[in-house]
Amino acid sequence: MVMLSHCGHTLGAPQNFGAPPFGLLFQFGRAGADIFFVLSGFLISLIHWRDIGRPEQLTHYLTRRVTRIYPTYWMVLLAIVPIDLITRTFYDRYGDPWAVVKNILLLPQNDQVIDVSWSLCNELLFYVVFALLILSRRAGFLALGAWTLVMIVRPIMAPYDDVVWLNLLTYPMNFEFLAGLAAGWLLQRREFRRPGMMLALGFAIFSAFAVAEDLRLLWSNEFHPWFPAEYWRPVILRSLGYGLAGVLIIAGLTSLEKRRSVRLPRVLTVLGGASYLLYLIHVPALVALGASERRLHLLRYLPPWLLAALFVLLVIAGAVGLHLAIEKPLLRAVRPAKAAGPMQPSPVQA
């Protein structure tokens, strides 16, 4: 979904197609990041909730979390930077050495070499908060409560203070981590009676917000990652809407899979495994494909929507190939084994 949204912006740029190839369709694709945040909280809850208050599990937890994020990210970063330094195709964000260090370590800043990596900073923040829960149940829940309170108060008390760390800490989409965390906790303690109805309701809510977003009722191109400025209300509203939809969809699907009522096709499992790599590479890949169109003049032979669709399929195929050939063996080599537990998520790698 995120790639389809970025496809419109990237290929629709004046130097490429000149207009979004799919029109206003797929503007809602940004909601893929919202679903990703909910899913992250949900999976952490399923996998690590039993580790809360057990500091001896902290090393294992941190090792799994760090190796989930950094190896693939560094692999993509190492591929992009040399190409960019030679061609200047993608970005020009290397003037400040400290900014380079922050890109390598995924510390928050306003200019990322890999544009979508802003969301990984939020992910790492959530990992740190959950690590406090593992160290101490009491201290962890106090930190979780304080974080929630700060997120609620900030838009009221300091909506226009543009401070990077404060923006990261209080971005409304962080609530989606907490929603996923709560849903995973609840699923481990009770069985949802009507998961099919939950799934249908989740898709209905998602569709309503997607239509509103495509009609530009919930989005503005002035939004900045972490700092909504005068757009706090629509950002909060869309986070609540997509967060609720994500909880219902993910919890409903997981409940149905647990009952053996639904089986995900093998192709979706493979795509799920490659989704993180696809998320990281799709923008620079689309930029490169847009540059190739300018050289080859492919729009003389194909309509924009069809060429864009072919580009999207090409990027997906490339991501899957890189995942199977490089990323999967790399993660198998560096990641520790999962600890045995009552529930393990199967469709998406955690």
Protein backbone atom coordinates (compact mmCIF):
# COMPACT_ATOMS: atom_id res chain seq x y z
CA MET A 1 0.00 0.00 0.00
CA VAL A 2 2.75 2.43 0.92
CA MET A 3 4.50 1.75 -2.36
CA LEU A 4 1.36 2.53 -4.38
CA SER A 5 1.04 5.87 -2.62
CA HIS A 6 4.72 6.71 -3.15
CA CYS A 7 4.40 5.54 -6.75
CA GLY A 8 1.97 8.38 -7.42
CA HIS A 9 4.27 10.99 -5.87
CA THR A 10 7.54 9.66 -7.28
CA LEU A 11 6.51 8.78 -10.82
CA GLY A 12 4.07 11.68 -10.92
CA ALA A 13 6.87 14.21 -10.35
CA PRO A 14 7.35 16.81 -13.13
CA GLN A 15 10.64 15.25 -14.27
CA ASN A 16 8.95 11.83 -14.65
CA PHE A 17 5.34 11.29 -15.73
CA GLY A 18 4.25 14.81 -14.86
CA ALA A 19 1.10 13.66 -13.05
CA PRO A 20 0.22 10.79 -10.67
CA PRO A 21 -0.25 7.73 -12.92
CA PHE A 22 -3.21 6.49 -10.87
CA GLY A 23 -4.74 9.90 -10.20
CA LEU A 24 -5.96 10.31 -6.63
CA LEU A 25 -6.35 6.55 -6.25
CA PHE A 26 -4.04 4.98 -3.66
CA GLN A 27 -3.43 8.22 -1.77
CA PHE A 28 -4.58 6.18 1.22
CA GLY A 29 -1.61 3.86 0.71
CA ARG A 30 0.19 5.75 3.45
CA ALA A 31 -2.09 3.82 5.79
CA GLY A 32 0.22 0.87 5.26
CA ALA A 33 2.51 2.50 7.83
CA ASP A 34 -0.42 2.68 10.28
CA ILE A 35 -1.13 -1.03 9.84
CA PHE A 36 2.60 -1.71 10.24
CA PHE A 37 2.64 0.09 13.59
CA VAL A 38 -0.38 -1.85 14.86
CA LEU A 39 1.14 -5.12 13.65
CA SER A 40 4.45 -4.35 15.35
CA GLY A 41 2.77 -3.83 18.72
CA PHE A 42 0.64 -6.93 18.18
CA LEU A 43 3.60 -9.19 17.37
CA ILE A 44 5.72 -7.89 20.23
CA SER A 45 2.84 -8.68 22.57
CA LEU A 46 2.42 -12.21 21.24
CA ILE A 47 6.12 -13.01 21.28
CA HIS A 48 7.47 -11.16 24.31
CA TRP A 49 4.61 -10.48 26.76
CA ARG A 50 5.70 -13.38 28.94
CA ASP A 51 9.14 -11.71 29.19
CA ILE A 52 7.74 -8.70 31.06
CA GLY A 53 9.35 -8.43 34.51
CA ARG A 54 12.06 -10.95 33.56
CA PRO A 55 15.27 -8.94 33.10
CA GLU A 56 17.23 -12.10 32.25
CA GLN A 57 15.31 -12.10 28.93
CA LEU A 58 16.41 -8.58 27.98
CA THR A 59 19.50 -9.62 26.01
CA HIS A 60 17.54 -12.11 23.93
CA TYR A 61 14.78 -9.55 23.33
CA LEU A 62 17.15 -6.76 22.29
CA THR A 63 19.17 -9.07 20.07
CA ARG A 64 16.06 -10.18 18.19
CA ARG A 65 14.75 -6.64 17.86
CA VAL A 66 18.06 -5.12 16.73
CA THR A 67 18.72 -7.89 14.22
CA ARG A 68 15.21 -7.50 12.82
CA ILE A 69 15.77 -3.83 11.99
CA TYR A 70 19.44 -3.10 11.34
CA PRO A 71 20.94 -5.82 9.08
CA THR A 72 18.43 -5.31 6.28
CA TYR A 73 18.48 -1.55 6.75
CA TRP A 74 22.28 -1.40 6.59
CA MET A 75 22.28 -3.67 3.55
CA VAL A 76 19.98 -1.27 1.69
CA LEU A 77 21.83 1.80 2.95
CA LEU A 78 25.18 0.39 1.79
CA ALA A 79 23.68 -0.26 -1.64
CA ILE A 80 22.06 3.15 -2.04
CA VAL A 81 24.79 5.49 -0.80
CA PRO A 82 27.60 4.52 -3.25
CA ILE A 83 25.21 4.67 -6.20
CA ASP A 84 23.96 8.04 -5.08
CA LEU A 85 27.44 9.43 -4.56
CA ILE A 86 28.25 8.52 -8.16
CA THR A 87 24.98 9.39 -9.91
CA ARG A 88 23.25 11.83 -7.54
CA THR A 89 20.08 10.06 -8.60
CA PHE A 90 18.42 9.66 -5.24
CA TYR A 91 19.44 12.06 -2.51
CA ASP A 92 22.01 14.64 -1.48
CA ARG A 93 22.09 14.42 2.30
CA TYR A 94 25.69 13.72 3.23
CA GLY A 95 27.08 17.19 3.99
CA ASP A 96 26.84 16.88 7.78
CA PRO A 97 28.92 14.01 9.26
CA TRP A 98 26.66 13.84 12.33
CA ALA A 99 23.64 13.50 10.04
CA VAL A 100 25.37 10.54 8.38
CA VAL A 101 25.94 8.92 11.78
CA LYS A 102 22.30 9.47 12.70
CA ASN A 103 21.24 7.82 9.44
CA ILE A 104 23.43 4.81 10.16
CA LEU A 105 22.14 4.41 13.72
CA LEU A 106 18.52 5.39 12.88
CA LEU A 107 18.54 8.30 15.29
CA PRO A 108 15.70 10.76 14.65
CA GLN A 109 16.29 13.63 12.24
CA ASN A 110 14.32 15.45 9.57
CA ASP A 111 16.35 14.31 6.53
CA GLN A 112 16.76 10.57 6.10
CA VAL A 113 18.81 9.01 3.32
CA ILE A 114 16.09 6.36 3.06
CA ASP A 115 12.93 8.44 3.27
CA VAL A 116 10.72 5.80 4.88
CA SER A 117 13.22 5.18 7.70
CA TRP A 118 11.47 7.83 9.82
CA SER A 119 9.02 5.08 10.82
CA LEU A 120 11.89 2.84 11.96
CA CYS A 121 12.81 5.50 14.52
CA ASN A 122 9.29 5.15 15.94
CA GLU A 123 9.70 1.38 15.91
CA LEU A 124 12.95 1.60 17.87
CA LEU A 125 11.32 3.95 20.39
CA PHE A 126 8.62 1.35 20.99
CA TYR A 127 11.27 -1.36 21.41
CA VAL A 128 12.99 0.74 24.07
CA VAL A 129 9.75 1.29 26.00
CA PHE A 130 8.98 -2.43 25.91
CA ALA A 131 12.54 -3.16 27.05
CA LEU A 132 11.74 -1.17 30.20
CA LEU A 133 8.79 -3.48 30.78
CA ILE A 134 11.13 -6.46 30.60
CA LEU A 135 13.58 -4.86 33.01
CA SER A 136 10.87 -4.00 35.53
CA ARG A 137 7.13 -4.51 35.24
CA ARG A 138 6.40 -1.57 37.55
CA ALA A 139 8.87 0.87 35.97
CA GLY A 140 7.86 -0.24 32.48
CA PHE A 141 4.15 0.38 32.98
CA LEU A 142 4.92 3.73 34.62
CA ALA A 143 7.00 4.67 31.56
CA LEU A 144 4.22 3.46 29.27
CA GLY A 145 1.68 5.56 31.16
CA ALA A 146 3.94 8.62 31.11
CA TRP A 147 4.52 8.20 27.37
CA THR A 148 0.78 8.00 26.76
CA LEU A 149 0.17 11.09 28.87
CA VAL A 150 2.84 13.09 27.01
CA MET A 151 1.31 12.07 23.67
CA ILE A 152 -2.09 13.29 24.82
CA VAL A 153 -0.86 16.57 26.31
CA ARG A 154 1.63 17.66 23.64
CA PRO A 155 -0.90 18.64 20.89
CA ILE A 156 -2.71 20.77 23.49
CA MET A 157 0.22 22.36 25.30
CA ALA A 158 2.96 22.63 22.64
CA PRO A 159 1.55 21.92 19.16
CA TYR A 160 3.99 24.20 17.30
CA ASP A 161 7.28 23.43 19.09
CA ASP A 162 9.29 21.73 16.35
CA VAL A 163 11.77 19.64 18.36
CA VAL A 164 12.84 16.42 16.66
CA TRP A 165 12.95 14.19 19.74
CA LEU A 166 9.66 15.61 21.04
CA ASN A 167 8.06 15.08 17.64
CA LEU A 168 9.19 11.45 17.62
CA LEU A 169 8.00 10.86 21.16
CA THR A 170 4.53 12.34 20.65
CA TYR A 171 3.60 11.52 17.07
CA PRO A 172 -0.05 10.32 17.10
CA MET A 173 0.75 7.16 15.14
CA ASN A 174 2.61 5.90 18.23
CA PHE A 175 -0.82 5.14 19.70
CA GLU A 176 -1.10 2.41 17.07
CA PHE A 177 1.80 0.53 18.68
CA LEU A 178 -0.07 0.61 21.98
CA ALA A 179 -3.32 -0.49 20.33
CA GLY A 180 -1.56 -3.49 18.77
CA LEU A 181 0.11 -4.28 22.09
CA ALA A 182 -3.25 -4.30 23.88
CA ALA A 183 -4.88 -6.42 21.16
CA GLY A 184 -2.12 -9.04 21.36
CA TRP A 185 -2.40 -9.14 25.16
CA LEU A 186 -6.17 -9.59 24.98
CA LEU A 187 -5.95 -12.32 22.33
CA GLN A 188 -3.69 -14.38 24.59
CA ARG A 189 -6.24 -14.23 27.40
CA ARG A 190 -9.51 -14.83 25.62
CA GLU A 191 -10.82 -16.13 22.32
CA PHE A 192 -12.71 -13.68 20.18
CA ARG A 193 -16.15 -15.10 19.47
CA ARG A 194 -16.82 -13.47 16.10
CA PRO A 195 -13.47 -12.94 14.38
CA GLY A 196 -15.15 -12.88 10.97
CA MET A 197 -17.33 -9.97 12.05
CA MET A 198 -14.27 -8.21 13.48
CA LEU A 199 -12.47 -8.65 10.18
CA ALA A 200 -15.42 -7.31 8.17
CA LEU A 201 -15.83 -4.32 10.49
CA GLY A 202 -12.11 -3.60 10.29
CA PHE A 203 -12.17 -3.58 6.50
CA ALA A 204 -15.28 -1.37 6.53
CA ILE A 205 -13.61 1.21 8.80
CA PHE A 206 -10.42 1.06 6.78
CA SER A 207 -12.35 1.57 3.53
CA ALA A 208 -14.23 4.57 4.92
CA PHE A 209 -11.00 6.27 5.99
CA ALA A 210 -9.30 5.32 2.72
CA VAL A 211 -12.05 7.01 0.71
CA ALA A 212 -11.85 10.07 2.94
CA GLU A 213 -8.08 10.19 2.44
CA ASP A 214 -8.30 9.83 -1.33
CA LEU A 215 -10.75 12.75 -1.28
CA ARG A 216 -8.15 14.75 0.69
CA LEU A 217 -10.40 15.03 3.73
CA LEU A 218 -7.81 13.47 6.05
CA TRP A 219 -4.49 14.33 4.48
CA SER A 220 -2.40 17.26 3.36
CA ASN A 221 0.85 17.31 1.45
CA GLU A 222 2.04 19.75 4.11
CA PHE A 223 2.26 16.92 6.66
CA HIS A 224 5.78 16.29 7.89
CA PRO A 225 6.87 13.04 9.54
CA TRP A 226 6.54 13.50 13.31
CA PHE A 227 5.51 17.19 13.18
CA PRO A 228 1.90 17.79 12.02
CA ALA A 229 2.00 21.53 13.02
CA GLU A 230 -1.49 22.89 12.29
CA TYR A 231 -2.66 19.47 11.10
CA TRP A 232 -2.82 17.71 14.46
CA ARG A 233 -6.55 17.02 14.28
CA PRO A 234 -6.61 15.14 10.95
CA VAL A 235 -3.45 13.22 11.87
CA ILE A 236 -4.94 12.17 15.20
CA LEU A 237 -8.25 11.26 13.54
CA ARG A 238 -6.64 9.12 10.84
CA SER A 239 -4.40 7.44 13.42
CA LEU A 240 -7.44 6.53 15.51
CA GLY A 241 -9.37 5.32 12.47
CA TYR A 242 -6.63 3.27 10.86
CA GLY A 243 -5.45 2.11 14.29
CA LEU A 244 -8.89 0.72 15.12
CA ALA A 245 -9.21 -0.83 11.66
CA GLY A 246 -5.75 -2.39 11.99
CA VAL A 247 -6.56 -3.91 15.38
CA LEU A 248 -9.80 -5.44 14.09
CA ILE A 249 -8.22 -6.77 10.89
CA ILE A 250 -5.09 -8.22 12.49
CA ALA A 251 -6.84 -9.68 15.53
CA GLY A 252 -9.63 -11.09 13.34
CA LEU A 253 -7.22 -12.70 10.88
CA THR A 254 -5.07 -14.13 13.68
CA SER A 255 -8.13 -15.57 15.44
CA LEU A 256 -9.36 -17.17 12.23
CA GLU A 257 -5.93 -18.64 11.54
CA LYS A 258 -5.77 -19.95 15.10
CA ARG A 259 -9.10 -21.72 14.51
CA ARG A 260 -7.81 -23.08 11.20
CA SER A 261 -10.71 -21.24 9.56
CA VAL A 262 -8.41 -19.48 7.12
CA ARG A 263 -5.08 -20.37 5.56
CA LEU A 264 -2.88 -17.73 4.02
CA PRO A 265 -1.59 -18.71 0.56
CA ARG A 266 2.11 -19.41 0.29
CA VAL A 267 2.60 -16.39 -1.95
CA LEU A 268 1.29 -14.06 0.79
CA THR A 269 3.69 -15.63 3.28
CA VAL A 270 6.61 -14.96 0.92
CA LEU A 271 5.42 -11.39 0.30
CA GLY A 272 5.09 -10.89 4.04
CA GLY A 273 8.66 -12.03 4.53
CA ALA A 274 9.88 -9.65 1.84
CA SER A 275 7.71 -6.72 2.96
CA TYR A 276 10.35 -4.99 5.10
CA LEU A 277 12.94 -5.08 2.32
CA LEU A 278 10.30 -3.89 -0.16
CA TYR A 279 9.41 -1.04 2.20
CA LEU A 280 13.03 0.12 2.29
CA ILE A 281 13.88 -0.13 -1.39
CA HIS A 282 10.71 0.90 -3.20
CA VAL A 283 11.26 4.68 -3.25
CA PRO A 284 14.84 4.62 -4.62
CA ALA A 285 13.81 1.82 -7.01
CA LEU A 286 10.91 3.91 -8.34
CA VAL A 287 13.20 6.95 -8.64
CA ALA A 288 15.64 4.84 -10.69
CA LEU A 289 12.83 3.46 -12.87
CA GLY A 290 11.53 6.98 -13.42
CA ALA A 291 15.01 7.99 -14.59
CA SER A 292 15.07 5.00 -16.93
CA GLU A 293 11.79 6.12 -18.48
CA ARG A 294 13.30 9.53 -19.24
CA ARG A 295 16.12 7.83 -21.11
CA LEU A 296 14.05 5.19 -22.91
CA HIS A 297 10.88 7.29 -23.48
CA LEU A 298 8.65 4.37 -22.55
CA LEU A 299 5.57 6.60 -22.29
CA ARG A 300 5.56 6.73 -26.09
CA TYR A 301 4.51 3.09 -26.09
CA LEU A 302 2.53 2.57 -22.87
CA PRO A 303 -0.05 4.61 -20.97
CA PRO A 304 1.20 6.01 -17.63
CA TRP A 305 -1.01 3.78 -15.45
CA LEU A 306 0.16 0.60 -17.21
CA LEU A 307 3.83 1.57 -17.11
CA ALA A 308 3.51 2.44 -13.41
CA ALA A 309 1.82 -0.90 -12.72
CA LEU A 310 4.66 -2.72 -14.51
CA PHE A 311 7.21 -0.75 -12.48
CA VAL A 312 5.42 -1.72 -9.25
CA LEU A 313 5.43 -5.41 -10.22
CA LEU A 314 9.11 -5.17 -11.14
CA VAL A 315 9.99 -3.65 -7.76
CA ILE A 316 7.99 -6.32 -5.91
CA ALA A 317 9.66 -9.11 -7.89
CA GLY A 318 13.07 -7.59 -7.19
CA ALA A 319 12.35 -7.32 -3.47
CA VAL A 320 11.19 -10.93 -3.28
CA GLY A 321 14.28 -12.09 -5.17
CA LEU A 322 16.62 -10.12 -2.90
CA HIS A 323 14.77 -11.38 0.17
CA LEU A 324 15.13 -15.03 -0.81
CA ALA A 325 18.69 -14.75 -2.10
CA ILE A 326 20.26 -12.35 0.41
CA GLU A 327 18.05 -11.07 3.24
CA LYS A 328 16.64 -14.39 4.42
CA PRO A 329 20.03 -16.16 4.65
CA LEU A 330 21.50 -13.05 6.32
CA LEU A 331 18.80 -12.96 9.00
CA ARG A 332 19.07 -16.69 9.54
CA ALA A 333 22.78 -16.22 10.23
CA VAL A 334 22.55 -13.27 12.63
CA ARG A 335 19.25 -13.71 14.47
CA PRO A 336 18.85 -15.88 17.57
CA ALA A 337 16.15 -18.53 17.57
CA LYS A 338 12.69 -17.68 18.87
CA ALA A 339 11.90 -18.81 22.36
CA ALA A 340 9.11 -21.33 22.63
CA GLY A 341 5.79 -19.77 23.55
CA PRO A 342 2.04 -20.32 23.60
CA MET A 343 1.45 -18.43 20.36
CA GLN A 344 3.81 -17.65 17.51
CA PRO A 345 2.78 -15.52 14.54
CA SER A 346 3.19 -17.39 11.29
CA PRO A 347 2.23 -15.10 8.41
CA VAL A 348 4.65 -12.27 9.13
CA GLN A 349 8.20 -12.44 10.35
CA ALA A 350 8.59 -10.75 13.73
